[in-house]
Amino acid sequence: MDDCTWYSTILFLKHKGEATDRINKHITKVERNFGKVLKWMIFDNGKELVNIETKKWAAQKGIIIETTAPYSPSQNRVAERFNWTIMELAWAMLISSGLPIFLWDEATSHTNYL
């Protein structure tokens, strides 16, 4: 989520090990599409996001990685609230429409554009 414009993108992962590659591809896509260079990223302390590979990649691109304190979602409150809102909307859509639960990713993708 961009703090300035509140533009958001949801990336789905089958395994946590895909996180670094997905972040790299997404950042490259954003830089190409908008012509802006990313200066910093804020993550929670999840090891799937903040690892040696991600740190090395960010250092090569000149991106600063900031992390929140462990077990403190209040430090990242905009993103945390966004995540809760998106998930609540997706579950409400699935329940009210009677669609099967395996479509939660499609419902989640759709709620990002509401």
PDB file of N, CA and C in Angstrom:
ATOM      1  N   MET A   1       0.846  -1.163   0.000  1.00  0.00           N
ATOM      2  CA  MET A   1       0.000   0.000   0.000  1.00  0.00           C
ATOM      3  C   MET A   1       0.897   1.232   0.000  1.00  0.00           C
ATOM      4  N   ASP A   2       0.587   2.145  -0.890  1.00  0.00           N
ATOM      5  CA  ASP A   2       1.307   3.401  -0.964  1.00  0.00           C
ATOM      6  C   ASP A   2       0.705   4.357   0.061  1.00  0.00           C
ATOM      7  N   ASP A   3       1.522   4.878   0.964  1.00  0.00           N
ATOM      8  CA  ASP A   3       1.014   5.761   2.016  1.00  0.00           C
ATOM      9  C   ASP A   3       0.476   7.079   1.474  1.00  0.00           C
ATOM     10  N   CYS A   4       0.997   7.545   0.361  1.00  0.00           N
ATOM     11  CA  CYS A   4       0.571   8.830  -0.188  1.00  0.00           C
ATOM     12  C   CYS A   4      -0.771   8.711  -0.919  1.00  0.00           C
ATOM     13  N   THR A   5      -0.871   7.771  -1.834  1.00  0.00           N
ATOM     14  CA  THR A   5      -2.075   7.652  -2.664  1.00  0.00           C
ATOM     15  C   THR A   5      -3.040   6.576  -2.188  1.00  0.00           C
ATOM     16  N   TRP A   6      -2.601   5.724  -1.273  1.00  0.00           N
ATOM     17  CA  TRP A   6      -3.357   4.575  -0.780  1.00  0.00           C
ATOM     18  C   TRP A   6      -3.629   3.569  -1.894  1.00  0.00           C
ATOM     19  N   TYR A   7      -2.844   3.623  -2.952  1.00  0.00           N
ATOM     20  CA  TYR A   7      -2.923   2.611  -4.001  1.00  0.00           C
ATOM     21  C   TYR A   7      -2.432   1.302  -3.403  1.00  0.00           C
ATOM     22  N   SER A   8      -3.156   0.240  -3.655  1.00  0.00           N
ATOM     23  CA  SER A   8      -2.777  -1.039  -3.055  1.00  0.00           C
ATOM     24  C   SER A   8      -2.800  -2.150  -4.096  1.00  0.00           C
ATOM     25  N   THR A   9      -1.987  -3.135  -3.833  1.00  0.00           N
ATOM     26  CA  THR A   9      -1.929  -4.327  -4.662  1.00  0.00           C
ATOM     27  C   THR A   9      -1.877  -5.520  -3.732  1.00  0.00           C
ATOM     28  N   ILE A  10      -2.593  -6.561  -4.092  1.00  0.00           N
ATOM     29  CA  ILE A  10      -2.582  -7.782  -3.300  1.00  0.00           C
ATOM     30  C   ILE A  10      -1.816  -8.839  -4.080  1.00  0.00           C
ATOM     31  N   LEU A  11      -0.820  -9.427  -3.449  1.00  0.00           N
ATOM     32  CA  LEU A  11      -0.034 -10.491  -4.065  1.00  0.00           C
ATOM     33  C   LEU A  11      -0.326 -11.786  -3.318  1.00  0.00           C
ATOM     34  N   PHE A  12      -0.696 -12.820  -4.041  1.00  0.00           N
ATOM     35  CA  PHE A  12      -1.001 -14.112  -3.428  1.00  0.00           C
ATOM     36  C   PHE A  12       0.205 -15.034  -3.539  1.00  0.00           C
ATOM     37  N   LEU A  13       0.443 -15.788  -2.485  1.00  0.00           N
ATOM     38  CA  LEU A  13       1.562 -16.722  -2.435  1.00  0.00           C
ATOM     39  C   LEU A  13       1.041 -18.122  -2.136  1.00  0.00           C
ATOM     40  N   LYS A  14       1.583 -19.119  -2.826  1.00  0.00           N
ATOM     41  CA  LYS A  14       1.269 -20.505  -2.476  1.00  0.00           C
ATOM     42  C   LYS A  14       2.125 -20.952  -1.314  1.00  0.00           C
ATOM     43  N   HIS A  15       3.367 -20.446  -1.264  1.00  0.00           N
ATOM     44  CA  HIS A  15       4.308 -20.789  -0.208  1.00  0.00           C
ATOM     45  C   HIS A  15       5.022 -19.516   0.225  1.00  0.00           C
ATOM     46  N   LYS A  16       5.400 -19.431   1.479  1.00  0.00           N
ATOM     47  CA  LYS A  16       6.082 -18.241   1.985  1.00  0.00           C
ATOM     48  C   LYS A  16       7.413 -18.003   1.284  1.00  0.00           C
ATOM     49  N   GLY A  17       8.019 -19.053   0.778  1.00  0.00           N
ATOM     50  CA  GLY A  17       9.293 -18.924   0.088  1.00  0.00           C
ATOM     51  C   GLY A  17       9.207 -18.119  -1.200  1.00  0.00           C
ATOM     52  N   GLU A  18       8.019 -17.914  -1.715  1.00  0.00           N
ATOM     53  CA  GLU A  18       7.828 -17.134  -2.941  1.00  0.00           C
ATOM     54  C   GLU A  18       7.847 -15.634  -2.691  1.00  0.00           C
ATOM     55  N   ALA A  19       7.839 -15.207  -1.448  1.00  0.00           N
ATOM     56  CA  ALA A  19       7.663 -13.798  -1.109  1.00  0.00           C
ATOM     57  C   ALA A  19       8.734 -12.904  -1.730  1.00  0.00           C
ATOM     58  N   THR A  20       9.989 -13.271  -1.600  1.00  0.00           N
ATOM     59  CA  THR A  20      11.072 -12.423  -2.107  1.00  0.00           C
ATOM     60  C   THR A  20      10.966 -12.234  -3.610  1.00  0.00           C
ATOM     61  N   ASP A  21      10.748 -13.313  -4.331  1.00  0.00           N
ATOM     62  CA  ASP A  21      10.634 -13.224  -5.786  1.00  0.00           C
ATOM     63  C   ASP A  21       9.440 -12.377  -6.201  1.00  0.00           C
ATOM     64  N   ARG A  22       8.302 -12.560  -5.540  1.00  0.00           N
ATOM     65  CA  ARG A  22       7.101 -11.780  -5.868  1.00  0.00           C
ATOM     66  C   ARG A  22       7.298 -10.298  -5.588  1.00  0.00           C
ATOM     67  N   ILE A  23       7.963  -9.975  -4.479  1.00  0.00           N
ATOM     68  CA  ILE A  23       8.237  -8.570  -4.153  1.00  0.00           C
ATOM     69  C   ILE A  23       9.149  -7.962  -5.208  1.00  0.00           C
ATOM     70  N   ASN A  24      10.209  -8.671  -5.582  1.00  0.00           N
ATOM     71  CA  ASN A  24      11.140  -8.176  -6.601  1.00  0.00           C
ATOM     72  C   ASN A  24      10.416  -7.882  -7.912  1.00  0.00           C
ATOM     73  N   LYS A  25       9.605  -8.821  -8.369  1.00  0.00           N
ATOM     74  CA  LYS A  25       8.876  -8.633  -9.623  1.00  0.00           C
ATOM     75  C   LYS A  25       7.891  -7.474  -9.529  1.00  0.00           C
ATOM     76  N   HIS A  26       7.209  -7.373  -8.391  1.00  0.00           N
ATOM     77  CA  HIS A  26       6.222  -6.305  -8.236  1.00  0.00           C
ATOM     78  C   HIS A  26       6.884  -4.930  -8.213  1.00  0.00           C
ATOM     79  N   ILE A  27       7.986  -4.797  -7.502  1.00  0.00           N
ATOM     80  CA  ILE A  27       8.691  -3.517  -7.432  1.00  0.00           C
ATOM     81  C   ILE A  27       9.200  -3.117  -8.813  1.00  0.00           C
ATOM     82  N   THR A  28       9.741  -4.067  -9.554  1.00  0.00           N
ATOM     83  CA  THR A  28      10.213  -3.794 -10.910  1.00  0.00           C
ATOM     84  C   THR A  28       9.058  -3.336 -11.794  1.00  0.00           C
ATOM     85  N   LYS A  29       7.914  -3.973 -11.674  1.00  0.00           N
ATOM     86  CA  LYS A  29       6.726  -3.601 -12.451  1.00  0.00           C
ATOM     87  C   LYS A  29       6.259  -2.192 -12.097  1.00  0.00           C
ATOM     88  N   VAL A  30       6.217  -1.874 -10.819  1.00  0.00           N
ATOM     89  CA  VAL A  30       5.788  -0.545 -10.384  1.00  0.00           C
ATOM     90  C   VAL A  30       6.743   0.524 -10.912  1.00  0.00           C
ATOM     91  N   GLU A  31       8.048   0.264 -10.820  1.00  0.00           N
ATOM     92  CA  GLU A  31       9.022   1.243 -11.305  1.00  0.00           C
ATOM     93  C   GLU A  31       8.890   1.458 -12.812  1.00  0.00           C
ATOM     94  N   ARG A  32       8.650   0.389 -13.558  1.00  0.00           N
ATOM     95  CA  ARG A  32       8.482   0.508 -15.002  1.00  0.00           C
ATOM     96  C   ARG A  32       7.192   1.250 -15.363  1.00  0.00           C
ATOM     97  N   ASN A  33       6.095   0.904 -14.706  1.00  0.00           N
ATOM     98  CA  ASN A  33       4.797   1.492 -15.048  1.00  0.00           C
ATOM     99  C   ASN A  33       4.660   2.951 -14.645  1.00  0.00           C
ATOM    100  N   PHE A  34       5.223   3.324 -13.495  1.00  0.00           N
ATOM    101  CA  PHE A  34       5.029   4.675 -12.983  1.00  0.00           C
ATOM    102  C   PHE A  34       6.256   5.564 -13.131  1.00  0.00           C
ATOM    103  N   GLY A  35       7.380   4.992 -13.524  1.00  0.00           N
ATOM    104  CA  GLY A  35       8.582   5.785 -13.718  1.00  0.00           C
ATOM    105  C   GLY A  35       9.145   6.358 -12.429  1.00  0.00           C
ATOM    106  N   LYS A  36       8.810   5.758 -11.326  1.00  0.00           N
ATOM    107  CA  LYS A  36       9.294   6.218 -10.019  1.00  0.00           C
ATOM    108  C   LYS A  36      10.185   5.149  -9.414  1.00  0.00           C
ATOM    109  N   VAL A  37      11.208   5.585  -8.704  1.00  0.00           N
ATOM    110  CA  VAL A  37      12.116   4.660  -8.045  1.00  0.00           C
ATOM    111  C   VAL A  37      11.694   4.535  -6.589  1.00  0.00           C
ATOM    112  N   LEU A  38      11.544   3.322  -6.133  1.00  0.00           N
ATOM    113  CA  LEU A  38      11.158   3.066  -4.757  1.00  0.00           C
ATOM    114  C   LEU A  38      12.310   3.423  -3.829  1.00  0.00           C
ATOM    115  N   LYS A  39      11.986   4.137  -2.739  1.00  0.00           N
ATOM    116  CA  LYS A  39      13.037   4.566  -1.811  1.00  0.00           C
ATOM    117  C   LYS A  39      13.092   3.707  -0.564  1.00  0.00           C
ATOM    118  N   TRP A  40      11.936   3.284  -0.048  1.00  0.00           N
ATOM    119  CA  TRP A  40      11.943   2.432   1.140  1.00  0.00           C
ATOM    120  C   TRP A  40      10.694   1.588   1.201  1.00  0.00           C
ATOM    121  N   MET A  41      10.793   0.502   1.955  1.00  0.00           N
ATOM    122  CA  MET A  41       9.684  -0.410   2.179  1.00  0.00           C
ATOM    123  C   MET A  41       9.592  -0.671   3.676  1.00  0.00           C
ATOM    124  N   ILE A  42       8.374  -0.807   4.158  1.00  0.00           N
ATOM    125  CA  ILE A  42       8.162  -1.121   5.564  1.00  0.00           C
ATOM    126  C   ILE A  42       7.510  -2.494   5.640  1.00  0.00           C
ATOM    127  N   PHE A  43       8.127  -3.384   6.413  1.00  0.00           N
ATOM    128  CA  PHE A  43       7.619  -4.736   6.605  1.00  0.00           C
ATOM    129  C   PHE A  43       7.429  -4.997   8.085  1.00  0.00           C
ATOM    130  N   ASP A  44       6.569  -5.963   8.386  1.00  0.00           N
ATOM    131  CA  ASP A  44       6.607  -6.489   9.744  1.00  0.00           C
ATOM    132  C   ASP A  44       7.850  -7.381   9.801  1.00  0.00           C
ATOM    133  N   ASN A  45       8.129  -7.987  10.892  1.00  0.00           N
ATOM    134  CA  ASN A  45       9.366  -8.758  11.027  1.00  0.00           C
ATOM    135  C   ASN A  45       9.247 -10.187  10.523  1.00  0.00           C
ATOM    136  N   GLY A  46       8.353 -10.450   9.579  1.00  0.00           N
ATOM    137  CA  GLY A  46       8.217 -11.792   9.036  1.00  0.00           C
ATOM    138  C   GLY A  46       9.479 -12.217   8.304  1.00  0.00           C
ATOM    139  N   LYS A  47      10.002 -13.372   8.666  1.00  0.00           N
ATOM    140  CA  LYS A  47      11.252 -13.848   8.067  1.00  0.00           C
ATOM    141  C   LYS A  47      11.101 -14.153   6.578  1.00  0.00           C
ATOM    142  N   GLU A  48       9.867 -14.382   6.118  1.00  0.00           N
ATOM    143  CA  GLU A  48       9.679 -14.610   4.688  1.00  0.00           C
ATOM    144  C   GLU A  48       9.877 -13.319   3.895  1.00  0.00           C
ATOM    145  N   LEU A  49       9.726 -12.172   4.567  1.00  0.00           N
ATOM    146  CA  LEU A  49       9.896 -10.888   3.891  1.00  0.00           C
ATOM    147  C   LEU A  49      11.266 -10.278   4.142  1.00  0.00           C
ATOM    148  N   VAL A  50      11.722 -10.338   5.368  1.00  0.00           N
ATOM    149  CA  VAL A  50      12.999  -9.721   5.729  1.00  0.00           C
ATOM    150  C   VAL A  50      14.026 -10.839   5.907  1.00  0.00           C
ATOM    151  N   ASN A  51      14.722 -11.132   4.824  1.00  0.00           N
ATOM    152  CA  ASN A  51      15.748 -12.176   4.858  1.00  0.00           C
ATOM    153  C   ASN A  51      16.974 -11.684   4.104  1.00  0.00           C
ATOM    154  N   ILE A  52      18.004 -12.485   4.069  1.00  0.00           N
ATOM    155  CA  ILE A  52      19.268 -12.070   3.451  1.00  0.00           C
ATOM    156  C   ILE A  52      19.070 -11.746   1.973  1.00  0.00           C
ATOM    157  N   GLU A  53      18.293 -12.570   1.297  1.00  0.00           N
ATOM    158  CA  GLU A  53      18.069 -12.367  -0.141  1.00  0.00           C
ATOM    159  C   GLU A  53      17.376 -11.037  -0.418  1.00  0.00           C
ATOM    160  N   THR A  54      16.337 -10.727   0.347  1.00  0.00           N
ATOM    161  CA  THR A  54      15.614  -9.473   0.164  1.00  0.00           C
ATOM    162  C   THR A  54      16.495  -8.279   0.517  1.00  0.00           C
ATOM    163  N   LYS A  55      17.247  -8.391   1.597  1.00  0.00           N
ATOM    164  CA  LYS A  55      18.129  -7.297   2.003  1.00  0.00           C
ATOM    165  C   LYS A  55      19.197  -7.026   0.946  1.00  0.00           C
ATOM    166  N   LYS A  56      19.747  -8.090   0.372  1.00  0.00           N
ATOM    167  CA  LYS A  56      20.773  -7.945  -0.656  1.00  0.00           C
ATOM    168  C   LYS A  56      20.189  -7.274  -1.903  1.00  0.00           C
ATOM    169  N   TRP A  57      19.017  -7.730  -2.314  1.00  0.00           N
ATOM    170  CA  TRP A  57      18.351  -7.149  -3.482  1.00  0.00           C
ATOM    171  C   TRP A  57      18.040  -5.671  -3.254  1.00  0.00           C
ATOM    172  N   ALA A  58      17.511  -5.339  -2.075  1.00  0.00           N
ATOM    173  CA  ALA A  58      17.170  -3.947  -1.767  1.00  0.00           C
ATOM    174  C   ALA A  58      18.419  -3.074  -1.732  1.00  0.00           C
ATOM    175  N   ALA A  59      19.508  -3.584  -1.181  1.00  0.00           N
ATOM    176  CA  ALA A  59      20.751  -2.815  -1.122  1.00  0.00           C
ATOM    177  C   ALA A  59      21.273  -2.522  -2.530  1.00  0.00           C
ATOM    178  N   GLN A  60      21.156  -3.478  -3.439  1.00  0.00           N
ATOM    179  CA  GLN A  60      21.600  -3.274  -4.813  1.00  0.00           C
ATOM    180  C   GLN A  60      20.785  -2.186  -5.507  1.00  0.00           C
ATOM    181  N   LYS A  61      19.499  -2.093  -5.166  1.00  0.00           N
ATOM    182  CA  LYS A  61      18.621  -1.094  -5.791  1.00  0.00           C
ATOM    183  C   LYS A  61      18.574   0.213  -5.010  1.00  0.00           C
ATOM    184  N   GLY A  62      19.242   0.254  -3.854  1.00  0.00           N
ATOM    185  CA  GLY A  62      19.247   1.470  -3.051  1.00  0.00           C
ATOM    186  C   GLY A  62      17.964   1.680  -2.261  1.00  0.00           C
ATOM    187  N   ILE A  63      17.253   0.602  -1.963  1.00  0.00           N
ATOM    188  CA  ILE A  63      15.996   0.672  -1.224  1.00  0.00           C
ATOM    189  C   ILE A  63      16.275   0.404   0.251  1.00  0.00           C
ATOM    190  N   ILE A  64      15.713   1.241   1.101  1.00  0.00           N
ATOM    191  CA  ILE A  64      15.860   1.074   2.546  1.00  0.00           C
ATOM    192  C   ILE A  64      14.709   0.212   3.055  1.00  0.00           C
ATOM    193  N   ILE A  65      15.016  -0.814   3.821  1.00  0.00           N
ATOM    194  CA  ILE A  65      13.989  -1.667   4.419  1.00  0.00           C
ATOM    195  C   ILE A  65      13.859  -1.302   5.889  1.00  0.00           C
ATOM    196  N   GLU A  66      12.643  -0.928   6.272  1.00  0.00           N
ATOM    197  CA  GLU A  66      12.341  -0.655   7.678  1.00  0.00           C
ATOM    198  C   GLU A  66      11.427  -1.761   8.179  1.00  0.00           C
ATOM    199  N   THR A  67      11.592  -2.119   9.436  1.00  0.00           N
ATOM    200  CA  THR A  67      10.729  -3.141  10.025  1.00  0.00           C
ATOM    201  C   THR A  67      10.066  -2.596  11.278  1.00  0.00           C
ATOM    202  N   THR A  68       8.901  -3.134  11.572  1.00  0.00           N
ATOM    203  CA  THR A  68       8.213  -2.760  12.795  1.00  0.00           C
ATOM    204  C   THR A  68       8.733  -3.626  13.934  1.00  0.00           C
ATOM    205  N   ALA A  69       8.442  -3.232  15.139  1.00  0.00           N
ATOM    206  CA  ALA A  69       8.826  -4.033  16.293  1.00  0.00           C
ATOM    207  C   ALA A  69       8.016  -5.330  16.282  1.00  0.00           C
ATOM    208  N   PRO A  70       8.583  -6.425  16.766  1.00  0.00           N
ATOM    209  CA  PRO A  70       7.848  -7.691  16.782  1.00  0.00           C
ATOM    210  C   PRO A  70       6.549  -7.594  17.590  1.00  0.00           C
ATOM    211  N   TYR A  71       5.516  -8.220  17.085  1.00  0.00           N
ATOM    212  CA  TYR A  71       4.210  -8.299  17.745  1.00  0.00           C
ATOM    213  C   TYR A  71       3.625  -6.924  18.052  1.00  0.00           C
ATOM    214  N   SER A  72       3.790  -5.994  17.128  1.00  0.00           N
ATOM    215  CA  SER A  72       3.228  -4.661  17.332  1.00  0.00           C
ATOM    216  C   SER A  72       2.532  -4.183  16.055  1.00  0.00           C
ATOM    217  N   PRO A  73       1.366  -4.739  15.748  1.00  0.00           N
ATOM    218  CA  PRO A  73       0.663  -4.326  14.534  1.00  0.00           C
ATOM    219  C   PRO A  73       0.250  -2.856  14.549  1.00  0.00           C
ATOM    220  N   SER A  74       0.233  -2.236  15.724  1.00  0.00           N
ATOM    221  CA  SER A  74      -0.140  -0.833  15.799  1.00  0.00           C
ATOM    222  C   SER A  74       0.863   0.069  15.088  1.00  0.00           C
ATOM    223  N   GLN A  75       2.098  -0.379  14.915  1.00  0.00           N
ATOM    224  CA  GLN A  75       3.087   0.428  14.209  1.00  0.00           C
ATOM    225  C   GLN A  75       2.829   0.457  12.704  1.00  0.00           C
ATOM    226  N   ASN A  76       2.064  -0.464  12.213  1.00  0.00           N
ATOM    227  CA  ASN A  76       1.759  -0.535  10.790  1.00  0.00           C
ATOM    228  C   ASN A  76       0.239  -0.500  10.624  1.00  0.00           C
ATOM    229  N   ARG A  77      -0.396   0.394  11.360  1.00  0.00           N
ATOM    230  CA  ARG A  77      -1.848   0.344  11.502  1.00  0.00           C
ATOM    231  C   ARG A  77      -2.630   0.527  10.208  1.00  0.00           C
ATOM    232  N   VAL A  78      -2.153   1.343   9.267  1.00  0.00           N
ATOM    233  CA  VAL A  78      -2.895   1.541   8.021  1.00  0.00           C
ATOM    234  C   VAL A  78      -2.951   0.231   7.237  1.00  0.00           C
ATOM    235  N   ALA A  79      -1.818  -0.417   7.085  1.00  0.00           N
ATOM    236  CA  ALA A  79      -1.778  -1.681   6.350  1.00  0.00           C
ATOM    237  C   ALA A  79      -2.531  -2.775   7.089  1.00  0.00           C
ATOM    238  N   GLU A  80      -2.415  -2.819   8.401  1.00  0.00           N
ATOM    239  CA  GLU A  80      -3.117  -3.850   9.173  1.00  0.00           C
ATOM    240  C   GLU A  80      -4.629  -3.670   9.061  1.00  0.00           C
ATOM    241  N   ARG A  81      -5.100  -2.450   9.163  1.00  0.00           N
ATOM    242  CA  ARG A  81      -6.542  -2.192   9.037  1.00  0.00           C
ATOM    243  C   ARG A  81      -7.016  -2.514   7.626  1.00  0.00           C
ATOM    244  N   PHE A  82      -6.193  -2.172   6.640  1.00  0.00           N
ATOM    245  CA  PHE A  82      -6.510  -2.492   5.252  1.00  0.00           C
ATOM    246  C   PHE A  82      -6.671  -4.002   5.074  1.00  0.00           C
ATOM    247  N   ASN A  83      -5.736  -4.767   5.632  1.00  0.00           N
ATOM    248  CA  ASN A  83      -5.802  -6.227   5.520  1.00  0.00           C
ATOM    249  C   ASN A  83      -7.084  -6.769   6.152  1.00  0.00           C
ATOM    250  N   TRP A  84      -7.420  -6.287   7.350  1.00  0.00           N
ATOM    251  CA  TRP A  84      -8.651  -6.743   8.015  1.00  0.00           C
ATOM    252  C   TRP A  84      -9.883  -6.396   7.190  1.00  0.00           C
ATOM    253  N   THR A  85      -9.925  -5.176   6.667  1.00  0.00           N
ATOM    254  CA  THR A  85     -11.080  -4.740   5.883  1.00  0.00           C
ATOM    255  C   THR A  85     -11.242  -5.588   4.635  1.00  0.00           C
ATOM    256  N   ILE A  86     -10.151  -5.820   3.926  1.00  0.00           N
ATOM    257  CA  ILE A  86     -10.197  -6.630   2.707  1.00  0.00           C
ATOM    258  C   ILE A  86     -10.684  -8.044   3.015  1.00  0.00           C
ATOM    259  N   MET A  87     -10.141  -8.656   4.054  1.00  0.00           N
ATOM    260  CA  MET A  87     -10.540 -10.028   4.389  1.00  0.00           C
ATOM    261  C   MET A  87     -12.004 -10.098   4.838  1.00  0.00           C
ATOM    262  N   GLU A  88     -12.456  -9.131   5.623  1.00  0.00           N
ATOM    263  CA  GLU A  88     -13.853  -9.125   6.052  1.00  0.00           C
ATOM    264  C   GLU A  88     -14.793  -8.959   4.867  1.00  0.00           C
ATOM    265  N   LEU A  89     -14.435  -8.083   3.927  1.00  0.00           N
ATOM    266  CA  LEU A  89     -15.253  -7.907   2.726  1.00  0.00           C
ATOM    267  C   LEU A  89     -15.299  -9.184   1.891  1.00  0.00           C
ATOM    268  N   ALA A  90     -14.157  -9.821   1.732  1.00  0.00           N
ATOM    269  CA  ALA A  90     -14.095 -11.045   0.925  1.00  0.00           C
ATOM    270  C   ALA A  90     -14.948 -12.145   1.552  1.00  0.00           C
ATOM    271  N   TRP A  91     -14.823 -12.351   2.866  1.00  0.00           N
ATOM    272  CA  TRP A  91     -15.618 -13.392   3.522  1.00  0.00           C
ATOM    273  C   TRP A  91     -17.107 -13.059   3.456  1.00  0.00           C
ATOM    274  N   ALA A  92     -17.459 -11.797   3.619  1.00  0.00           N
ATOM    275  CA  ALA A  92     -18.870 -11.399   3.534  1.00  0.00           C
ATOM    276  C   ALA A  92     -19.422 -11.660   2.136  1.00  0.00           C
ATOM    277  N   MET A  93     -18.620 -11.383   1.114  1.00  0.00           N
ATOM    278  CA  MET A  93     -19.060 -11.641  -0.260  1.00  0.00           C
ATOM    279  C   MET A  93     -19.281 -13.133  -0.489  1.00  0.00           C
ATOM    280  N   LEU A  94     -18.363 -13.962  -0.013  1.00  0.00           N
ATOM    281  CA  LEU A  94     -18.496 -15.406  -0.204  1.00  0.00           C
ATOM    282  C   LEU A  94     -19.712 -15.952   0.536  1.00  0.00           C
ATOM    283  N   ILE A  95     -19.904 -15.533   1.764  1.00  0.00           N
ATOM    284  CA  ILE A  95     -21.017 -16.039   2.563  1.00  0.00           C
ATOM    285  C   ILE A  95     -22.353 -15.590   1.985  1.00  0.00           C
ATOM    286  N   SER A  96     -22.463 -14.304   1.645  1.00  0.00           N
ATOM    287  CA  SER A  96     -23.745 -13.799   1.147  1.00  0.00           C
ATOM    288  C   SER A  96     -24.105 -14.352  -0.229  1.00  0.00           C
ATOM    289  N   SER A  97     -23.105 -14.657  -1.047  1.00  0.00           N
ATOM    290  CA  SER A  97     -23.393 -15.177  -2.384  1.00  0.00           C
ATOM    291  C   SER A  97     -23.516 -16.698  -2.409  1.00  0.00           C
ATOM    292  N   GLY A  98     -23.083 -17.343  -1.334  1.00  0.00           N
ATOM    293  CA  GLY A  98     -23.142 -18.802  -1.280  1.00  0.00           C
ATOM    294  C   GLY A  98     -22.066 -19.485  -2.101  1.00  0.00           C
ATOM    295  N   LEU A  99     -21.013 -18.755  -2.463  1.00  0.00           N
ATOM    296  CA  LEU A  99     -19.923 -19.343  -3.248  1.00  0.00           C
ATOM    297  C   LEU A  99     -19.021 -20.184  -2.355  1.00  0.00           C
ATOM    298  N   PRO A 100     -18.326 -21.154  -2.930  1.00  0.00           N
ATOM    299  CA  PRO A 100     -17.433 -22.003  -2.129  1.00  0.00           C
ATOM    300  C   PRO A 100     -16.215 -21.234  -1.629  1.00  0.00           C
ATOM    301  N   ILE A 101     -15.658 -21.691  -0.528  1.00  0.00           N
ATOM    302  CA  ILE A 101     -14.554 -21.008   0.131  1.00  0.00           C
ATOM    303  C   ILE A 101     -13.286 -20.999  -0.714  1.00  0.00           C
ATOM    304  N   PHE A 102     -13.111 -21.975  -1.607  1.00  0.00           N
ATOM    305  CA  PHE A 102     -11.876 -21.999  -2.384  1.00  0.00           C
ATOM    306  C   PHE A 102     -11.768 -20.795  -3.329  1.00  0.00           C
ATOM    307  N   LEU A 103     -12.808 -19.998  -3.457  1.00  0.00           N
ATOM    308  CA  LEU A 103     -12.761 -18.797  -4.286  1.00  0.00           C
ATOM    309  C   LEU A 103     -12.370 -17.550  -3.503  1.00  0.00           C
ATOM    310  N   TRP A 104     -11.850 -17.732  -2.271  1.00  0.00           N
ATOM    311  CA  TRP A 104     -11.535 -16.575  -1.438  1.00  0.00           C
ATOM    312  C   TRP A 104     -10.513 -15.651  -2.087  1.00  0.00           C
ATOM    313  N   ASP A 105      -9.555 -16.201  -2.846  1.00  0.00           N
ATOM    314  CA  ASP A 105      -8.567 -15.333  -3.482  1.00  0.00           C
ATOM    315  C   ASP A 105      -9.192 -14.446  -4.551  1.00  0.00           C
ATOM    316  N   GLU A 106     -10.155 -14.982  -5.299  1.00  0.00           N
ATOM    317  CA  GLU A 106     -10.856 -14.170  -6.280  1.00  0.00           C
ATOM    318  C   GLU A 106     -11.683 -13.087  -5.608  1.00  0.00           C
ATOM    319  N   ALA A 107     -12.346 -13.437  -4.527  1.00  0.00           N
ATOM    320  CA  ALA A 107     -13.136 -12.456  -3.774  1.00  0.00           C
ATOM    321  C   ALA A 107     -12.232 -11.379  -3.196  1.00  0.00           C
ATOM    322  N   THR A 108     -11.084 -11.780  -2.677  1.00  0.00           N
ATOM    323  CA  THR A 108     -10.133 -10.823  -2.106  1.00  0.00           C
ATOM    324  C   THR A 108      -9.603  -9.875  -3.177  1.00  0.00           C
ATOM    325  N   SER A 109      -9.279 -10.404  -4.340  1.00  0.00           N
ATOM    326  CA  SER A 109      -8.820  -9.561  -5.439  1.00  0.00           C
ATOM    327  C   SER A 109      -9.885  -8.543  -5.822  1.00  0.00           C
ATOM    328  N   HIS A 110     -11.119  -8.981  -5.859  1.00  0.00           N
ATOM    329  CA  HIS A 110     -12.212  -8.081  -6.236  1.00  0.00           C
ATOM    330  C   HIS A 110     -12.414  -6.971  -5.216  1.00  0.00           C
ATOM    331  N   THR A 111     -12.288  -7.279  -3.933  1.00  0.00           N
ATOM    332  CA  THR A 111     -12.510  -6.260  -2.907  1.00  0.00           C
ATOM    333  C   THR A 111     -11.472  -5.150  -2.952  1.00  0.00           C
ATOM    334  N   ASN A 112     -10.304  -5.418  -3.502  1.00  0.00           N
ATOM    335  CA  ASN A 112      -9.282  -4.403  -3.599  1.00  0.00           C
ATOM    336  C   ASN A 112      -9.691  -3.285  -4.552  1.00  0.00           C
ATOM    337  N   TYR A 113     -10.645  -3.533  -5.416  1.00  0.00           N
ATOM    338  CA  TYR A 113     -11.059  -2.540  -6.409  1.00  0.00           C
ATOM    339  C   TYR A 113     -12.409  -1.915  -6.097  1.00  0.00           C
ATOM    340  N   LEU A 114     -12.977  -2.199  -4.932  1.00  0.00           N
ATOM    341  CA  LEU A 114     -14.255  -1.606  -4.547  1.00  0.00           C
ATOM    342  C   LEU A 114     -14.097  -0.173  -4.129  1.00  0.00           C
TER     343      LEU A 114
END
